[in-house]
Amino acid sequence: MELGTWNQVNYQTLRFLNGNRSLPPYCAPLVHPAGIFPGGKENIMKRFMTIVMIALIIPFTVLAGNNLEGPADIVEAFQKALKSGDRELVLTFLDPDLTVFESGFAEASLEAYASDHLDGDLEFNSSMKRKVLDQSVFVSGDAAWVLTRSRTKGKFRGTRIDISGTETFNLIRRPEGWRIVHIHTSNKTNK
C-alpha cells in the first residue's frame, strides 16, 4: 500500500473515531498537508498508535469527575435513587441552588422541590420501567450537561403509562463532586 493511500485510510479512521466530524485541532499536526506522513513507513505506525491512544484516552479524561464519578454517573445514580424510593439518597445528588422545570411547572430551589414535588417523583418512578434511548454528555470545566431521551412504561394509580421523555440535567462540580443544579424534563404520551 502506498503512503498516500495508507494516510487516506488513517484519515478516514480518525474521522470515524471522531464521529465523522472535522478533526480536532490537536490532530492536525499528525496529518501532513501533502497527504503523507513525513518520516517514512516506520513513523506511520507510531503516529497511528498515538492517534488511537488520544481517541481512547480523551473521553475518559474529560468525563472523569471527583471520586471517579462523571456527570452521567451522577444522573444515573439519581434516577436509580428515584426508582428505589430513597428520598435521602436522591437529595445527596442535588445542589442547594437546584431549579426544576417539568412540563411547564417550576421549582425554584432544592427546598421547594423537596417539600413539594419530590414525593410525587418518588412514587411515580418506583412504579415505572424506564429505558434510556439516547444520552449525550458535555463537559466544560466545572459545568456539565447530560441530555437524555427515554421511554417510560408502567401503571401509576391504576392508569397505564407509556411516555417518551426528554431530560436536560445541568451539573456543577463542587469540592465533594458533581451535583445537579438544574433539571428540565418534558414528556409526551405514546399512542
C-alpha atoms as a PDB file:
ATOM      1  CA  MET A   1       0.000   0.000   0.000  1.00  0.00           C
ATOM      2  CA  GLU A   2       1.385   3.429  -0.881  1.00  0.00           C
ATOM      3  CA  LEU A   3       1.895   6.011   1.826  1.00  0.00           C
ATOM      4  CA  GLY A   4      -0.709   8.351   0.362  1.00  0.00           C
ATOM      5  CA  THR A   5      -3.323   5.580   0.293  1.00  0.00           C
ATOM      6  CA  TRP A   6      -2.473   4.434   3.807  1.00  0.00           C
ATOM      7  CA  ASN A   7      -2.713   8.019   5.029  1.00  0.00           C
ATOM      8  CA  GLN A   8      -6.176   8.336   3.456  1.00  0.00           C
ATOM      9  CA  VAL A   9      -7.293   5.192   5.332  1.00  0.00           C
ATOM     10  CA  ASN A  10      -5.830   6.633   8.523  1.00  0.00           C
ATOM     11  CA  TYR A  11      -7.623   9.934   7.958  1.00  0.00           C
ATOM     12  CA  GLN A  12     -10.919   8.103   7.438  1.00  0.00           C
ATOM     13  CA  THR A  13     -10.313   6.127  10.634  1.00  0.00           C
ATOM     14  CA  LEU A  14      -9.759   9.383  12.507  1.00  0.00           C
ATOM     15  CA  ARG A  15     -12.973  10.845  11.088  1.00  0.00           C
ATOM     16  CA  PHE A  16     -14.828   7.695  12.159  1.00  0.00           C
ATOM     17  CA  LEU A  17     -13.381   7.817  15.700  1.00  0.00           C
ATOM     18  CA  ASN A  18     -14.276  11.478  15.899  1.00  0.00           C
ATOM     19  CA  GLY A  19     -17.924  10.930  14.928  1.00  0.00           C
ATOM     20  CA  ASN A  20     -17.373  11.887  11.267  1.00  0.00           C
ATOM     21  CA  ARG A  21     -16.825  15.491  12.247  1.00  0.00           C
ATOM     22  CA  SER A  22     -13.852  17.638  11.355  1.00  0.00           C
ATOM     23  CA  LEU A  23     -10.652  16.621  13.028  1.00  0.00           C
ATOM     24  CA  PRO A  24      -9.937  18.427  16.273  1.00  0.00           C
ATOM     25  CA  PRO A  25      -7.058  20.933  16.151  1.00  0.00           C
ATOM     26  CA  TYR A  26      -4.767  18.723  18.277  1.00  0.00           C
ATOM     27  CA  CYS A  27      -4.782  16.063  15.490  1.00  0.00           C
ATOM     28  CA  ALA A  28      -3.854  18.474  12.690  1.00  0.00           C
ATOM     29  CA  PRO A  29      -0.063  18.180  13.179  1.00  0.00           C
ATOM     30  CA  LEU A  30      -0.320  14.384  12.883  1.00  0.00           C
ATOM     31  CA  VAL A  31      -1.552  14.547   9.279  1.00  0.00           C
ATOM     32  CA  HIS A  32       0.916  16.045   6.813  1.00  0.00           C
ATOM     33  CA  PRO A  33      -0.608  18.628   4.396  1.00  0.00           C
ATOM     34  CA  ALA A  34       0.923  16.842   1.403  1.00  0.00           C
ATOM     35  CA  GLY A  35      -1.200  13.781   2.166  1.00  0.00           C
ATOM     36  CA  ILE A  36       1.572  11.565   3.525  1.00  0.00           C
ATOM     37  CA  PHE A  37       3.245  11.161   6.866  1.00  0.00           C
ATOM     38  CA  PRO A  38       6.738  12.638   6.938  1.00  0.00           C
ATOM     39  CA  GLY A  39       9.431  10.318   8.208  1.00  0.00           C
ATOM     40  CA  GLY A  40       8.800   7.215   6.138  1.00  0.00           C
ATOM     41  CA  LYS A  41       6.938   3.989   6.779  1.00  0.00           C
ATOM     42  CA  GLU A  42       8.469   3.372  10.223  1.00  0.00           C
ATOM     43  CA  ASN A  43       6.916   6.592  11.504  1.00  0.00           C
ATOM     44  CA  ILE A  44       3.422   5.726  10.248  1.00  0.00           C
ATOM     45  CA  MET A  45       2.618   3.142  12.903  1.00  0.00           C
ATOM     46  CA  LYS A  46       3.937   5.350  15.720  1.00  0.00           C
ATOM     47  CA  ARG A  47       1.701   8.225  14.641  1.00  0.00           C
ATOM     48  CA  PHE A  48      -1.301   5.968  14.055  1.00  0.00           C
ATOM     49  CA  MET A  49      -0.966   4.471  17.565  1.00  0.00           C
ATOM     50  CA  THR A  50      -0.633   7.973  19.024  1.00  0.00           C
ATOM     51  CA  ILE A  51      -3.876   8.994  17.342  1.00  0.00           C
ATOM     52  CA  VAL A  52      -5.661   5.867  18.576  1.00  0.00           C
ATOM     53  CA  MET A  53      -4.445   6.445  22.143  1.00  0.00           C
ATOM     54  CA  ILE A  54      -5.615  10.078  22.045  1.00  0.00           C
ATOM     55  CA  ALA A  55      -9.018   8.956  20.761  1.00  0.00           C
ATOM     56  CA  LEU A  56      -9.340   6.385  23.555  1.00  0.00           C
ATOM     57  CA  ILE A  57      -7.996   8.427  26.463  1.00  0.00           C
ATOM     58  CA  ILE A  58      -9.602  11.852  25.932  1.00  0.00           C
ATOM     59  CA  PRO A  59     -13.250  10.844  26.550  1.00  0.00           C
ATOM     60  CA  PHE A  60     -12.353   9.205  29.866  1.00  0.00           C
ATOM     61  CA  THR A  61     -10.208  12.139  30.932  1.00  0.00           C
ATOM     62  CA  VAL A  62     -12.835  14.755  30.040  1.00  0.00           C
ATOM     63  CA  LEU A  63     -15.698  12.920  31.750  1.00  0.00           C
ATOM     64  CA  ALA A  64     -13.851  11.976  34.920  1.00  0.00           C
ATOM     65  CA  GLY A  65     -15.221  13.751  37.960  1.00  0.00           C
ATOM     66  CA  ASN A  66     -14.403  13.789  41.627  1.00  0.00           C
ATOM     67  CA  ASN A  67     -14.408  10.300  43.179  1.00  0.00           C
ATOM     68  CA  LEU A  68     -14.211   8.836  39.659  1.00  0.00           C
ATOM     69  CA  GLU A  69     -17.880   9.731  39.025  1.00  0.00           C
ATOM     70  CA  GLY A  70     -18.735  11.647  35.886  1.00  0.00           C
ATOM     71  CA  PRO A  71     -21.907  13.638  35.230  1.00  0.00           C
ATOM     72  CA  ALA A  72     -23.670  10.709  33.510  1.00  0.00           C
ATOM     73  CA  ASP A  73     -22.889   8.512  36.535  1.00  0.00           C
ATOM     74  CA  ILE A  74     -24.487  11.062  38.844  1.00  0.00           C
ATOM     75  CA  VAL A  75     -27.621  11.314  36.678  1.00  0.00           C
ATOM     76  CA  GLU A  76     -27.891   7.514  36.512  1.00  0.00           C
ATOM     77  CA  ALA A  77     -27.463   7.201  40.289  1.00  0.00           C
ATOM     78  CA  PHE A  78     -30.081   9.944  40.802  1.00  0.00           C
ATOM     79  CA  GLN A  79     -32.545   8.045  38.562  1.00  0.00           C
ATOM     80  CA  LYS A  80     -31.860   4.782  40.428  1.00  0.00           C
ATOM     81  CA  ALA A  81     -32.420   6.520  43.766  1.00  0.00           C
ATOM     82  CA  LEU A  82     -35.771   7.868  42.490  1.00  0.00           C
ATOM     83  CA  LYS A  83     -36.723   4.357  41.322  1.00  0.00           C
ATOM     84  CA  SER A  84     -35.791   2.835  44.692  1.00  0.00           C
ATOM     85  CA  GLY A  85     -37.796   5.493  46.577  1.00  0.00           C
ATOM     86  CA  ASP A  86     -34.762   6.551  48.636  1.00  0.00           C
ATOM     87  CA  ARG A  87     -35.555  10.201  49.401  1.00  0.00           C
ATOM     88  CA  GLU A  88     -32.353  10.874  51.363  1.00  0.00           C
ATOM     89  CA  LEU A  89     -30.153   9.394  48.634  1.00  0.00           C
ATOM     90  CA  VAL A  90     -31.930  11.470  45.957  1.00  0.00           C
ATOM     91  CA  LEU A  91     -31.180  14.637  47.900  1.00  0.00           C
ATOM     92  CA  THR A  92     -27.428  13.856  48.028  1.00  0.00           C
ATOM     93  CA  PHE A  93     -27.158  14.318  44.240  1.00  0.00           C
ATOM     94  CA  LEU A  94     -28.878  17.729  44.225  1.00  0.00           C
ATOM     95  CA  ASP A  95     -27.195  21.100  44.697  1.00  0.00           C
ATOM     96  CA  PRO A  96     -28.689  23.659  47.121  1.00  0.00           C
ATOM     97  CA  ASP A  97     -29.096  26.024  44.113  1.00  0.00           C
ATOM     98  CA  LEU A  98     -31.322  23.499  42.290  1.00  0.00           C
ATOM     99  CA  THR A  99     -34.103  24.589  39.918  1.00  0.00           C
ATOM    100  CA  VAL A 100     -36.513  22.108  38.342  1.00  0.00           C
ATOM    101  CA  PHE A 101     -38.641  22.696  35.234  1.00  0.00           C
ATOM    102  CA  GLU A 102     -41.124  19.932  34.473  1.00  0.00           C
ATOM    103  CA  SER A 103     -43.874  20.136  31.866  1.00  0.00           C
ATOM    104  CA  GLY A 104     -44.498  23.825  32.483  1.00  0.00           C
ATOM    105  CA  PHE A 105     -44.058  23.782  36.279  1.00  0.00           C
ATOM    106  CA  ALA A 106     -41.069  25.222  38.114  1.00  0.00           C
ATOM    107  CA  GLU A 107     -39.446  24.620  41.496  1.00  0.00           C
ATOM    108  CA  ALA A 108     -37.024  27.460  42.234  1.00  0.00           C
ATOM    109  CA  SER A 109     -34.963  25.806  44.988  1.00  0.00           C
ATOM    110  CA  LEU A 110     -33.929  22.475  46.434  1.00  0.00           C
ATOM    111  CA  GLU A 111     -36.119  23.197  49.451  1.00  0.00           C
ATOM    112  CA  ALA A 112     -39.172  23.838  47.239  1.00  0.00           C
ATOM    113  CA  TYR A 113     -38.556  20.660  45.207  1.00  0.00           C
ATOM    114  CA  ALA A 114     -38.005  18.546  48.341  1.00  0.00           C
ATOM    115  CA  SER A 115     -41.167  19.823  50.043  1.00  0.00           C
ATOM    116  CA  ASP A 116     -43.485  19.955  47.023  1.00  0.00           C
ATOM    117  CA  HIS A 117     -42.567  17.721  44.093  1.00  0.00           C
ATOM    118  CA  LEU A 118     -40.060  15.086  45.214  1.00  0.00           C
ATOM    119  CA  ASP A 119     -42.568  12.750  46.902  1.00  0.00           C
ATOM    120  CA  GLY A 120     -44.620  12.575  43.696  1.00  0.00           C
ATOM    121  CA  ASP A 121     -41.482  11.818  41.661  1.00  0.00           C
ATOM    122  CA  LEU A 122     -40.533   9.023  44.081  1.00  0.00           C
ATOM    123  CA  GLU A 123     -43.997   7.470  43.908  1.00  0.00           C
ATOM    124  CA  PHE A 124     -44.195   7.720  40.107  1.00  0.00           C
ATOM    125  CA  ASN A 125     -40.678   6.406  39.389  1.00  0.00           C
ATOM    126  CA  SER A 126     -40.991   3.481  41.785  1.00  0.00           C
ATOM    127  CA  SER A 127     -43.838   2.030  39.696  1.00  0.00           C
ATOM    128  CA  MET A 128     -42.315   2.662  36.244  1.00  0.00           C
ATOM    129  CA  LYS A 129     -39.820   0.946  33.960  1.00  0.00           C
ATOM    130  CA  ARG A 130     -37.587   3.494  32.257  1.00  0.00           C
ATOM    131  CA  LYS A 131     -35.341   2.800  29.285  1.00  0.00           C
ATOM    132  CA  VAL A 132     -32.694   5.282  28.139  1.00  0.00           C
ATOM    133  CA  LEU A 133     -32.822   5.543  24.336  1.00  0.00           C
ATOM    134  CA  ASP A 134     -30.038   8.060  23.830  1.00  0.00           C
ATOM    135  CA  GLN A 135     -27.752  10.107  26.046  1.00  0.00           C
ATOM    136  CA  SER A 136     -25.140  12.786  25.367  1.00  0.00           C
ATOM    137  CA  VAL A 137     -22.750  14.271  27.899  1.00  0.00           C
ATOM    138  CA  PHE A 138     -20.957  17.590  27.531  1.00  0.00           C
ATOM    139  CA  VAL A 139     -18.355  18.914  29.975  1.00  0.00           C
ATOM    140  CA  SER A 140     -16.808  22.375  30.069  1.00  0.00           C
ATOM    141  CA  GLY A 141     -14.575  22.971  33.077  1.00  0.00           C
ATOM    142  CA  ASP A 142     -16.690  22.644  36.225  1.00  0.00           C
ATOM    143  CA  ALA A 143     -20.004  22.624  34.334  1.00  0.00           C
ATOM    144  CA  ALA A 144     -21.654  19.730  32.549  1.00  0.00           C
ATOM    145  CA  TRP A 145     -24.949  18.882  30.933  1.00  0.00           C
ATOM    146  CA  VAL A 146     -26.470  15.499  30.288  1.00  0.00           C
ATOM    147  CA  LEU A 147     -29.144  15.227  27.577  1.00  0.00           C
ATOM    148  CA  THR A 148     -31.308  12.105  27.655  1.00  0.00           C
ATOM    149  CA  ARG A 149     -34.155  10.663  25.613  1.00  0.00           C
ATOM    150  CA  SER A 150     -36.078   7.883  27.314  1.00  0.00           C
ATOM    151  CA  ARG A 151     -39.218   5.785  27.219  1.00  0.00           C
ATOM    152  CA  THR A 152     -41.140   5.070  30.401  1.00  0.00           C
ATOM    153  CA  LYS A 153     -43.855   2.464  30.845  1.00  0.00           C
ATOM    154  CA  GLY A 154     -45.877   1.162  33.755  1.00  0.00           C
ATOM    155  CA  LYS A 155     -49.038   1.525  35.764  1.00  0.00           C
ATOM    156  CA  PHE A 156     -49.474   4.523  38.051  1.00  0.00           C
ATOM    157  CA  ARG A 157     -52.507   4.884  40.330  1.00  0.00           C
ATOM    158  CA  GLY A 158     -54.460   2.452  38.147  1.00  0.00           C
ATOM    159  CA  THR A 159     -53.605   4.148  34.836  1.00  0.00           C
ATOM    160  CA  ARG A 160     -51.388   2.633  32.155  1.00  0.00           C
ATOM    161  CA  ILE A 161     -48.494   4.955  31.321  1.00  0.00           C
ATOM    162  CA  ASP A 162     -46.399   4.919  28.124  1.00  0.00           C
ATOM    163  CA  ILE A 163     -44.446   8.145  27.609  1.00  0.00           C
ATOM    164  CA  SER A 164     -41.427   9.352  25.645  1.00  0.00           C
ATOM    165  CA  GLY A 165     -39.366  11.841  27.571  1.00  0.00           C
ATOM    166  CA  THR A 166     -36.532  14.292  27.146  1.00  0.00           C
ATOM    167  CA  GLU A 167     -34.378  15.463  30.031  1.00  0.00           C
ATOM    168  CA  THR A 168     -31.663  18.013  30.482  1.00  0.00           C
ATOM    169  CA  PHE A 169     -29.555  17.817  33.618  1.00  0.00           C
ATOM    170  CA  ASN A 170     -27.107  20.632  34.307  1.00  0.00           C
ATOM    171  CA  LEU A 171     -24.389  19.781  36.801  1.00  0.00           C
ATOM    172  CA  ILE A 172     -21.687  21.735  38.564  1.00  0.00           C
ATOM    173  CA  ARG A 173     -18.504  20.339  40.049  1.00  0.00           C
ATOM    174  CA  ARG A 174     -18.309  21.110  43.752  1.00  0.00           C
ATOM    175  CA  PRO A 175     -15.438  20.098  46.085  1.00  0.00           C
ATOM    176  CA  GLU A 176     -17.457  16.994  47.065  1.00  0.00           C
ATOM    177  CA  GLY A 177     -18.092  16.061  43.397  1.00  0.00           C
ATOM    178  CA  TRP A 178     -20.667  16.654  40.667  1.00  0.00           C
ATOM    179  CA  ARG A 179     -24.063  17.982  41.806  1.00  0.00           C
ATOM    180  CA  ILE A 180     -27.260  18.536  39.803  1.00  0.00           C
ATOM    181  CA  VAL A 181     -28.186  22.249  39.702  1.00  0.00           C
ATOM    182  CA  HIS A 182     -30.947  22.163  37.077  1.00  0.00           C
ATOM    183  CA  ILE A 183     -33.381  19.549  35.775  1.00  0.00           C
ATOM    184  CA  HIS A 184     -35.679  20.157  32.804  1.00  0.00           C
ATOM    185  CA  THR A 185     -37.991  17.343  31.741  1.00  0.00           C
ATOM    186  CA  SER A 186     -40.662  17.103  29.095  1.00  0.00           C
ATOM    187  CA  ASN A 187     -42.873  14.124  28.217  1.00  0.00           C
ATOM    188  CA  LYS A 188     -45.374  13.122  25.556  1.00  0.00           C
ATOM    189  CA  THR A 189     -47.814  10.259  25.671  1.00  0.00           C
ATOM    190  CA  ASN A 190     -47.247   7.463  23.169  1.00  0.00           C
ATOM    191  CA  LYS A 191     -50.315   6.183  21.339  1.00  0.00           C
END
